[in-house]
PDB file of N, CA and C in Angstrom:
ATOM      1  N   UNK A   1     -11.849 -17.809  -8.574  1.00  0.00           N
ATOM      2  CA  UNK A   1     -11.660 -18.683  -8.913  1.00  0.00           C
ATOM      3  C   UNK A   1     -11.824 -20.312  -8.194  1.00  0.00           C
ATOM      4  N   UNK A   2     -12.687 -20.200  -7.179  1.00  0.00           N
ATOM      5  CA  UNK A   2     -12.812 -21.335  -6.609  1.00  0.00           C
ATOM      6  C   UNK A   2     -14.434 -22.192  -7.177  1.00  0.00           C
ATOM      7  N   UNK A   3     -15.071 -21.071  -8.021  1.00  0.00           N
ATOM      8  CA  UNK A   3     -15.177 -21.901  -8.881  1.00  0.00           C
ATOM      9  C   UNK A   3     -14.890 -22.127 -10.638  1.00  0.00           C
ATOM     10  N   UNK A   4     -13.741 -22.251 -10.480  1.00  0.00           N
ATOM     11  CA  UNK A   4     -12.696 -22.197 -12.162  1.00  0.00           C
ATOM     12  C   UNK A   4     -12.559 -22.010 -12.735  1.00  0.00           C
ATOM     13  N   UNK A   5     -12.910 -20.410 -12.599  1.00  0.00           N
ATOM     14  CA  UNK A   5     -13.084 -19.503 -13.699  1.00  0.00           C
ATOM     15  C   UNK A   5     -11.740 -18.766 -13.982  1.00  0.00           C
ATOM     16  N   UNK A   6     -10.938 -19.093 -14.415  1.00  0.00           N
ATOM     17  CA  UNK A   6      -9.493 -19.203 -13.668  1.00  0.00           C
ATOM     18  C   UNK A   6      -9.205 -17.934 -14.946  1.00  0.00           C
ATOM     19  N   UNK A   7     -10.018 -17.922 -16.070  1.00  0.00           N
ATOM     20  CA  UNK A   7      -9.692 -17.022 -16.892  1.00  0.00           C
ATOM     21  C   UNK A   7     -10.205 -15.580 -16.625  1.00  0.00           C
ATOM     22  N   UNK A   8     -11.221 -15.824 -16.048  1.00  0.00           N
ATOM     23  CA  UNK A   8     -11.699 -14.262 -15.654  1.00  0.00           C
ATOM     24  C   UNK A   8     -11.172 -13.880 -14.158  1.00  0.00           C
ATOM     25  N   UNK A   9     -10.761 -14.782 -13.350  1.00  0.00           N
ATOM     26  CA  UNK A   9      -9.480 -14.500 -12.100  1.00  0.00           C
ATOM     27  C   UNK A   9      -8.725 -14.441 -12.739  1.00  0.00           C
ATOM     28  N   UNK A  10      -7.813 -14.513 -13.569  1.00  0.00           N
ATOM     29  CA  UNK A  10      -6.850 -13.776 -14.135  1.00  0.00           C
ATOM     30  C   UNK A  10      -6.699 -12.501 -14.783  1.00  0.00           C
ATOM     31  N   UNK A  11      -7.759 -12.742 -14.926  1.00  0.00           N
ATOM     32  CA  UNK A  11      -7.906 -10.871 -15.669  1.00  0.00           C
ATOM     33  C   UNK A  11      -8.094  -9.695 -14.326  1.00  0.00           C
ATOM     34  N   UNK A  12      -8.731 -10.568 -13.363  1.00  0.00           N
ATOM     35  CA  UNK A  12      -8.976  -9.136 -11.885  1.00  0.00           C
ATOM     36  C   UNK A  12      -7.785  -9.191 -11.264  1.00  0.00           C
ATOM     37  N   UNK A  13      -7.055 -10.442 -10.659  1.00  0.00           N
ATOM     38  CA  UNK A  13      -5.707 -10.443 -10.544  1.00  0.00           C
ATOM     39  C   UNK A  13      -4.723  -9.429 -11.146  1.00  0.00           C
ATOM     40  N   UNK A  14      -5.321  -9.563 -12.188  1.00  0.00           N
ATOM     41  CA  UNK A  14      -3.876  -8.806 -13.507  1.00  0.00           C
ATOM     42  C   UNK A  14      -4.357  -6.895 -13.377  1.00  0.00           C
ATOM     43  N   UNK A  15      -5.739  -6.551 -12.787  1.00  0.00           N
ATOM     44  CA  UNK A  15      -5.665  -5.327 -12.675  1.00  0.00           C
ATOM     45  C   UNK A  15      -5.244  -5.288 -11.295  1.00  0.00           C
ATOM     46  N   UNK A  16      -5.229  -6.222 -10.258  1.00  0.00           N
ATOM     47  CA  UNK A  16      -4.672  -5.659  -9.234  1.00  0.00           C
ATOM     48  C   UNK A  16      -3.672  -5.447  -9.201  1.00  0.00           C
ATOM     49  N   UNK A  17      -2.886  -6.355  -9.680  1.00  0.00           N
ATOM     50  CA  UNK A  17      -1.595  -5.501  -9.376  1.00  0.00           C
ATOM     51  C   UNK A  17      -0.428  -4.716 -10.755  1.00  0.00           C
ATOM     52  N   UNK A  18      -2.093  -3.801 -11.313  1.00  0.00           N
ATOM     53  CA  UNK A  18      -1.629  -3.061 -11.989  1.00  0.00           C
ATOM     54  C   UNK A  18      -1.807  -2.178 -11.381  1.00  0.00           C
ATOM     55  N   UNK A  19      -2.887  -1.566 -10.281  1.00  0.00           N
ATOM     56  CA  UNK A  19      -2.660  -0.903  -9.082  1.00  0.00           C
ATOM     57  C   UNK A  19      -1.728  -0.642  -7.911  1.00  0.00           C
ATOM     58  N   UNK A  20      -1.488  -2.382  -7.614  1.00  0.00           N
ATOM     59  CA  UNK A  20      -0.734  -2.593  -6.362  1.00  0.00           C
ATOM     60  C   UNK A  20       0.347  -3.716  -6.967  1.00  0.00           C
ATOM     61  N   UNK A  21       0.947  -3.573  -7.454  1.00  0.00           N
ATOM     62  CA  UNK A  21       2.152  -4.652  -7.943  1.00  0.00           C
ATOM     63  C   UNK A  21       2.750  -5.573  -6.879  1.00  0.00           C
ATOM     64  N   UNK A  22       2.854  -5.184  -5.720  1.00  0.00           N
ATOM     65  CA  UNK A  22       3.568  -5.807  -4.633  1.00  0.00           C
ATOM     66  C   UNK A  22       2.431  -7.046  -3.620  1.00  0.00           C
ATOM     67  N   UNK A  23       1.002  -6.680  -4.309  1.00  0.00           N
ATOM     68  CA  UNK A  23       0.029  -7.465  -3.715  1.00  0.00           C
ATOM     69  C   UNK A  23       0.131  -8.926  -3.367  1.00  0.00           C
ATOM     70  N   UNK A  24       0.763  -9.463  -2.397  1.00  0.00           N
ATOM     71  CA  UNK A  24       1.127 -11.111  -2.179  1.00  0.00           C
ATOM     72  C   UNK A  24      -0.381 -11.628  -2.661  1.00  0.00           C
ATOM     73  N   UNK A  25      -1.182 -11.096  -2.097  1.00  0.00           N
ATOM     74  CA  UNK A  25      -2.405 -12.156  -2.626  1.00  0.00           C
ATOM     75  C   UNK A  25      -2.999 -12.611  -4.025  1.00  0.00           C
ATOM     76  N   UNK A  26      -2.428 -11.690  -4.817  1.00  0.00           N
ATOM     77  CA  UNK A  26      -3.083 -11.380  -6.825  1.00  0.00           C
ATOM     78  C   UNK A  26      -1.749 -12.008  -7.060  1.00  0.00           C
ATOM     79  N   UNK A  27      -0.706 -12.060  -6.159  1.00  0.00           N
ATOM     80  CA  UNK A  27       0.361 -12.271  -7.052  1.00  0.00           C
ATOM     81  C   UNK A  27       1.007 -13.590  -6.584  1.00  0.00           C
ATOM     82  N   UNK A  28       0.077 -14.740  -5.589  1.00  0.00           N
ATOM     83  CA  UNK A  28      -0.004 -16.030  -5.187  1.00  0.00           C
ATOM     84  C   UNK A  28      -0.898 -16.755  -6.205  1.00  0.00           C
ATOM     85  N   UNK A  29      -2.469 -15.530  -6.120  1.00  0.00           N
ATOM     86  CA  UNK A  29      -3.475 -16.537  -7.022  1.00  0.00           C
ATOM     87  C   UNK A  29      -3.166 -16.872  -8.528  1.00  0.00           C
ATOM     88  N   UNK A  30      -2.408 -15.753  -9.035  1.00  0.00           N
ATOM     89  CA  UNK A  30      -1.669 -15.400 -10.150  1.00  0.00           C
ATOM     90  C   UNK A  30      -0.511 -16.794 -10.389  1.00  0.00           C
ATOM     91  N   UNK A  31       0.253 -17.443  -9.467  1.00  0.00           N
ATOM     92  CA  UNK A  31       1.164 -18.411  -9.864  1.00  0.00           C
ATOM     93  C   UNK A  31       0.428 -19.222  -9.807  1.00  0.00           C
ATOM     94  N   UNK A  32      -1.064 -19.003  -8.842  1.00  0.00           N
ATOM     95  CA  UNK A  32      -1.847 -20.843  -9.242  1.00  0.00           C
ATOM     96  C   UNK A  32      -2.274 -20.980 -10.348  1.00  0.00           C
ATOM     97  N   UNK A  33      -2.971 -19.993 -11.053  1.00  0.00           N
ATOM     98  CA  UNK A  33      -3.368 -20.004 -12.190  1.00  0.00           C
ATOM     99  C   UNK A  33      -2.303 -20.353 -13.585  1.00  0.00           C
ATOM    100  N   UNK A  34      -1.270 -19.490 -13.351  1.00  0.00           N
ATOM    101  CA  UNK A  34       0.075 -19.583 -14.316  1.00  0.00           C
ATOM    102  C   UNK A  34       0.257 -21.322 -14.331  1.00  0.00           C
ATOM    103  N   UNK A  35       0.376 -22.229 -13.123  1.00  0.00           N
ATOM    104  CA  UNK A  35       0.787 -23.038 -12.938  1.00  0.00           C
ATOM    105  C   UNK A  35      -0.157 -24.117 -13.431  1.00  0.00           C
ATOM    106  N   UNK A  36      -1.726 -23.977 -13.420  1.00  0.00           N
ATOM    107  CA  UNK A  36      -2.472 -24.595 -13.879  1.00  0.00           C
ATOM    108  C   UNK A  36      -2.525 -24.357 -15.483  1.00  0.00           C
ATOM    109  N   UNK A  37      -1.958 -23.663 -15.675  1.00  0.00           N
ATOM    110  CA  UNK A  37      -1.976 -23.545 -17.586  1.00  0.00           C
ATOM    111  C   UNK A  37      -0.735 -23.919 -18.019  1.00  0.00           C
ATOM    112  N   UNK A  38       0.327 -24.798 -17.535  1.00  0.00           N
ATOM    113  CA  UNK A  38       1.172 -25.396 -17.509  1.00  0.00           C
ATOM    114  C   UNK A  38       2.039 -24.067 -17.841  1.00  0.00           C
ATOM    115  N   UNK A  39       2.148 -22.727 -17.142  1.00  0.00           N
ATOM    116  CA  UNK A  39       3.438 -21.428 -17.180  1.00  0.00           C
ATOM    117  C   UNK A  39       4.210 -21.903 -15.852  1.00  0.00           C
ATOM    118  N   UNK A  40       4.653 -22.995 -15.750  1.00  0.00           N
ATOM    119  CA  UNK A  40       5.793 -22.629 -15.008  1.00  0.00           C
ATOM    120  C   UNK A  40       6.833 -21.692 -14.241  1.00  0.00           C
ATOM    121  N   UNK A  41       7.317 -21.357 -15.218  1.00  0.00           N
ATOM    122  CA  UNK A  41       8.488 -20.104 -15.037  1.00  0.00           C
ATOM    123  C   UNK A  41       7.504 -18.596 -14.509  1.00  0.00           C
ATOM    124  N   UNK A  42       6.680 -18.523 -15.265  1.00  0.00           N
ATOM    125  CA  UNK A  42       5.622 -17.361 -15.018  1.00  0.00           C
ATOM    126  C   UNK A  42       4.848 -17.536 -13.473  1.00  0.00           C
ATOM    127  N   UNK A  43       4.826 -19.096 -13.330  1.00  0.00           N
ATOM    128  CA  UNK A  43       4.437 -19.241 -11.810  1.00  0.00           C
ATOM    129  C   UNK A  43       4.570 -18.804 -10.880  1.00  0.00           C
ATOM    130  N   UNK A  44       6.439 -19.247 -11.475  1.00  0.00           N
ATOM    131  CA  UNK A  44       7.468 -19.162  -9.937  1.00  0.00           C
ATOM    132  C   UNK A  44       7.639 -17.724 -10.052  1.00  0.00           C
ATOM    133  N   UNK A  45       8.098 -17.248 -11.126  1.00  0.00           N
ATOM    134  CA  UNK A  45       7.757 -14.838 -10.884  1.00  0.00           C
ATOM    135  C   UNK A  45       6.450 -14.860 -10.099  1.00  0.00           C
ATOM    136  N   UNK A  46       5.984 -14.748  -9.937  1.00  0.00           N
ATOM    137  CA  UNK A  46       4.527 -14.134  -9.516  1.00  0.00           C
ATOM    138  C   UNK A  46       4.554 -14.868  -8.051  1.00  0.00           C
ATOM    139  N   UNK A  47       5.032 -15.752  -8.375  1.00  0.00           N
ATOM    140  CA  UNK A  47       5.261 -16.402  -6.563  1.00  0.00           C
ATOM    141  C   UNK A  47       6.408 -16.162  -6.174  1.00  0.00           C
ATOM    142  N   UNK A  48       7.543 -15.555  -6.449  1.00  0.00           N
ATOM    143  CA  UNK A  48       8.626 -14.890  -6.505  1.00  0.00           C
ATOM    144  C   UNK A  48       8.370 -13.709  -5.288  1.00  0.00           C
ATOM    145  N   UNK A  49       7.558 -12.657  -6.340  1.00  0.00           N
ATOM    146  CA  UNK A  49       7.300 -11.674  -6.149  1.00  0.00           C
ATOM    147  C   UNK A  49       6.427 -11.523  -4.831  1.00  0.00           C
ATOM    148  N   UNK A  50       5.470 -12.697  -4.315  1.00  0.00           N
ATOM    149  CA  UNK A  50       4.481 -11.961  -3.289  1.00  0.00           C
ATOM    150  C   UNK A  50       4.971 -12.787  -1.992  1.00  0.00           C
ATOM    151  N   UNK A  51       6.061 -13.881  -2.533  1.00  0.00           N
ATOM    152  CA  UNK A  51       6.853 -13.814  -1.154  1.00  0.00           C
ATOM    153  C   UNK A  51       7.515 -12.931  -0.557  1.00  0.00           C
ATOM    154  N   UNK A  52       8.341 -12.329  -1.650  1.00  0.00           N
ATOM    155  CA  UNK A  52       9.063 -11.263  -1.652  1.00  0.00           C
ATOM    156  C   UNK A  52       8.155 -10.014  -0.525  1.00  0.00           C
ATOM    157  N   UNK A  53       7.203  -9.945  -1.341  1.00  0.00           N
ATOM    158  CA  UNK A  53       6.429  -7.729  -0.302  1.00  0.00           C
ATOM    159  C   UNK A  53       5.503  -9.121   0.627  1.00  0.00           C
ATOM    160  N   UNK A  54       5.584 -10.291   1.145  1.00  0.00           N
ATOM    161  CA  UNK A  54       4.362 -10.850   2.251  1.00  0.00           C
ATOM    162  C   UNK A  54       4.482  -9.961   3.256  1.00  0.00           C
ATOM    163  N   UNK A  55       5.192  -9.978   4.004  1.00  0.00           N
ATOM    164  CA  UNK A  55       5.897  -9.215   4.974  1.00  0.00           C
ATOM    165  C   UNK A  55       5.817  -7.879   5.091  1.00  0.00           C
ATOM    166  N   UNK A  56       6.040  -7.142   3.998  1.00  0.00           N
ATOM    167  CA  UNK A  56       5.809  -5.709   4.409  1.00  0.00           C
ATOM    168  C   UNK A  56       4.163  -5.164   3.861  1.00  0.00           C
ATOM    169  N   UNK A  57       3.700  -5.926   3.400  1.00  0.00           N
ATOM    170  CA  UNK A  57       2.244  -5.873   2.651  1.00  0.00           C
ATOM    171  C   UNK A  57       1.440  -6.001   3.941  1.00  0.00           C
ATOM    172  N   UNK A  58       1.643  -6.829   4.918  1.00  0.00           N
ATOM    173  CA  UNK A  58       0.830  -7.184   6.065  1.00  0.00           C
ATOM    174  C   UNK A  58       0.759  -5.613   7.011  1.00  0.00           C
ATOM    175  N   UNK A  59       2.099  -5.325   6.862  1.00  0.00           N
ATOM    176  CA  UNK A  59       2.295  -3.882   7.447  1.00  0.00           C
ATOM    177  C   UNK A  59       1.132  -2.721   6.376  1.00  0.00           C
ATOM    178  N   UNK A  60       1.303  -2.984   5.241  1.00  0.00           N
ATOM    179  CA  UNK A  60       0.163  -1.830   4.419  1.00  0.00           C
ATOM    180  C   UNK A  60      -1.309  -2.305   5.097  1.00  0.00           C
ATOM    181  N   UNK A  61      -1.567  -3.388   5.008  1.00  0.00           N
ATOM    182  CA  UNK A  61      -3.065  -3.716   5.388  1.00  0.00           C
ATOM    183  C   UNK A  61      -3.159  -3.062   6.837  1.00  0.00           C
ATOM    184  N   UNK A  62      -2.741  -3.613   7.283  1.00  0.00           N
ATOM    185  CA  UNK A  62      -2.516  -2.755   8.977  1.00  0.00           C
ATOM    186  C   UNK A  62      -2.607  -1.278   8.689  1.00  0.00           C
ATOM    187  N   UNK A  63      -2.064  -0.798   7.809  1.00  0.00           N
ATOM    188  CA  UNK A  63      -2.006   0.739   8.641  1.00  0.00           C
ATOM    189  C   UNK A  63      -3.403   1.304   7.108  1.00  0.00           C
ATOM    190  N   UNK A  64      -3.695   0.900   6.359  1.00  0.00           N
ATOM    191  CA  UNK A  64      -5.023   1.077   5.495  1.00  0.00           C
ATOM    192  C   UNK A  64      -5.946   0.840   6.798  1.00  0.00           C
ATOM    193  N   UNK A  65      -5.860  -0.303   7.207  1.00  0.00           N
ATOM    194  CA  UNK A  65      -7.590  -0.506   8.155  1.00  0.00           C
ATOM    195  C   UNK A  65      -7.740   1.022   9.142  1.00  0.00           C
ATOM    196  N   UNK A  66      -6.171   1.647   9.328  1.00  0.00           N
ATOM    197  CA  UNK A  66      -6.468   2.816  10.316  1.00  0.00           C
ATOM    198  C   UNK A  66      -7.210   4.155   9.394  1.00  0.00           C
ATOM    199  N   UNK A  67      -7.138   3.481   8.317  1.00  0.00           N
ATOM    200  CA  UNK A  67      -7.382   5.181   7.978  1.00  0.00           C
ATOM    201  C   UNK A  67      -9.220   4.771   6.844  1.00  0.00           C
ATOM    202  N   UNK A  68      -8.874   3.568   6.744  1.00  0.00           N
ATOM    203  CA  UNK A  68     -10.305   3.093   6.426  1.00  0.00           C
ATOM    204  C   UNK A  68     -11.402   3.507   7.459  1.00  0.00           C
ATOM    205  N   UNK A  69     -12.689   2.520   7.534  1.00  0.00           N
ATOM    206  CA  UNK A  69     -13.533   2.792   8.307  1.00  0.00           C
ATOM    207  C   UNK A  69     -13.538   1.650   9.469  1.00  0.00           C
ATOM    208  N   UNK A  70     -12.768   0.944   9.254  1.00  0.00           N
ATOM    209  CA  UNK A  70     -12.432  -0.126  10.477  1.00  0.00           C
ATOM    210  C   UNK A  70     -11.216   0.238  10.922  1.00  0.00           C
ATOM    211  N   UNK A  71     -11.271  -0.517  11.966  1.00  0.00           N
ATOM    212  CA  UNK A  71      -9.868  -0.019  12.929  1.00  0.00           C
ATOM    213  C   UNK A  71      -9.686  -1.320  13.602  1.00  0.00           C
ATOM    214  N   UNK A  72      -7.976  -2.345  13.356  1.00  0.00           N
ATOM    215  CA  UNK A  72      -8.144  -3.709  13.146  1.00  0.00           C
ATOM    216  C   UNK A  72      -7.796  -3.667  15.048  1.00  0.00           C
ATOM    217  N   UNK A  73      -8.503  -4.794  15.516  1.00  0.00           N
ATOM    218  CA  UNK A  73      -7.882  -4.540  16.995  1.00  0.00           C
ATOM    219  C   UNK A  73      -6.708  -4.670  17.395  1.00  0.00           C
TER     220      UNK A  73
END
């Protein structure tokens, strides 16, 4: 997205959401892309999903680190 490759970014974020529906980062970034395309209803949908799961996702990320190679301090 930083390089304004919104179509390619949209495809990647949609892949993430298929695997991890409540991923607030992907949902937020899709909301930004939808807003730039003028699809405000879709943008709000993604934004609401991202906001709904944001607090839960932080716990999920912390837990994932415990099972991965790195342990968060």
